[in-house]
């Protein structure tokens, strides 16, 4: 639910990266920890086929600002794939 609510930020990162690399497409799996307070702690790229430091940095910054419901018990590790592909018209 939180990821969906912030998907426009991820799309912005992709569209910004496209300006410098018009053929950019692929998949990036990000992993982050949701702390006891619901804030995002550690964030890392688990795997990627994108060759763009700018999109990786932009998405990482966006994820770090997201606020989740505080998890019950202990911190939660999230692994989420973002798939980017240009849509032709």
Protein backbone atom coordinates (compact mmCIF):
# COMPACT_ATOMS: atom_id res chain seq x y z
CA UNK A 1 0.00 0.00 0.00
CA UNK A 2 2.79 2.42 0.93
CA UNK A 3 4.82 1.46 -2.14
CA UNK A 4 1.81 2.03 -4.40
CA UNK A 5 1.20 5.43 -2.80
CA UNK A 6 4.76 6.49 -3.68
CA UNK A 7 5.03 4.89 -7.11
CA UNK A 8 4.87 8.33 -8.75
CA UNK A 9 8.23 9.12 -7.11
CA UNK A 10 9.77 6.00 -8.67
CA UNK A 11 8.27 6.90 -12.05
CA UNK A 12 9.75 10.39 -11.72
CA UNK A 13 13.18 8.85 -11.09
CA UNK A 14 12.82 6.69 -14.20
CA UNK A 15 11.60 9.51 -16.41
CA UNK A 16 14.44 11.76 -15.20
CA UNK A 17 16.99 9.03 -15.98
CA UNK A 18 15.45 8.59 -19.44
CA UNK A 19 16.44 12.16 -20.32
CA UNK A 20 20.09 11.17 -20.19
CA UNK A 21 19.63 7.60 -21.42
CA UNK A 22 16.58 7.29 -23.72
CA UNK A 23 16.83 3.50 -24.08
CA UNK A 24 16.99 2.76 -20.35
CA UNK A 25 14.99 -0.30 -19.34
CA UNK A 26 15.38 -3.23 -16.99
CA UNK A 27 14.74 -4.41 -13.47
CA UNK A 28 16.10 -3.26 -10.13
CA UNK A 29 15.39 -5.10 -6.89
CA UNK A 30 15.71 -2.84 -3.87
CA UNK A 31 15.91 -4.08 -0.31
CA UNK A 32 15.21 -1.98 2.75
CA UNK A 33 14.61 -2.36 6.44
CA UNK A 34 11.51 -0.95 8.14
CA UNK A 35 12.49 0.03 11.67
CA UNK A 36 10.35 -0.25 14.81
CA UNK A 37 9.22 3.35 14.27
CA UNK A 38 8.06 2.66 10.71
CA UNK A 39 10.91 4.64 9.16
CA UNK A 40 13.15 3.15 6.51
CA UNK A 41 16.58 2.21 7.80
CA UNK A 42 19.19 0.50 5.66
CA UNK A 43 18.53 0.52 1.93
CA UNK A 44 20.45 -1.34 -0.75
CA UNK A 45 20.19 -2.58 -4.30
CA UNK A 46 19.85 -6.35 -4.21
CA UNK A 47 20.19 -6.77 -7.98
CA UNK A 48 19.84 -4.64 -11.10
CA UNK A 49 20.03 -4.77 -14.86
CA UNK A 50 19.86 -0.98 -15.11
CA UNK A 51 23.12 0.77 -15.88
CA UNK A 52 22.28 4.11 -14.31
CA UNK A 53 23.65 5.42 -11.04
CA UNK A 54 21.25 8.35 -11.24
CA UNK A 55 18.11 6.19 -11.12
CA UNK A 56 19.55 4.01 -8.35
CA UNK A 57 20.37 7.07 -6.23
CA UNK A 58 17.03 8.73 -6.91
CA UNK A 59 14.99 5.65 -5.95
CA UNK A 60 17.12 5.02 -2.86
CA UNK A 61 16.52 8.60 -1.70
CA UNK A 62 12.79 8.27 -2.31
CA UNK A 63 12.53 4.98 -0.38
CA UNK A 64 14.42 6.43 2.60
CA UNK A 65 11.73 9.12 2.95
CA UNK A 66 8.80 6.68 3.01
CA UNK A 67 6.89 6.08 6.24
CA UNK A 68 5.39 2.66 6.95
CA UNK A 69 3.16 1.48 9.79
CA UNK A 70 5.38 0.44 12.69
CA UNK A 71 5.93 -3.34 12.46
CA UNK A 72 4.87 -5.53 15.35
CA UNK A 73 7.65 -7.42 17.07
CA UNK A 74 10.82 -6.57 15.18
CA UNK A 75 12.18 -4.78 12.16
CA UNK A 76 11.00 -5.97 8.75
CA UNK A 77 13.17 -6.54 5.69
CA UNK A 78 11.45 -5.71 2.38
CA UNK A 79 12.66 -6.81 -1.05
CA UNK A 80 10.80 -5.22 -3.95
CA UNK A 81 11.38 -5.36 -7.72
CA UNK A 82 10.86 -2.30 -9.88
CA UNK A 83 10.57 -3.06 -13.58
CA UNK A 84 11.18 -0.26 -16.06
CA UNK A 85 10.29 -0.42 -19.72
CA UNK A 86 9.49 2.28 -22.22
CA UNK A 87 6.00 2.05 -23.66
CA UNK A 88 5.83 2.83 -27.34
CA UNK A 89 2.89 4.64 -28.87
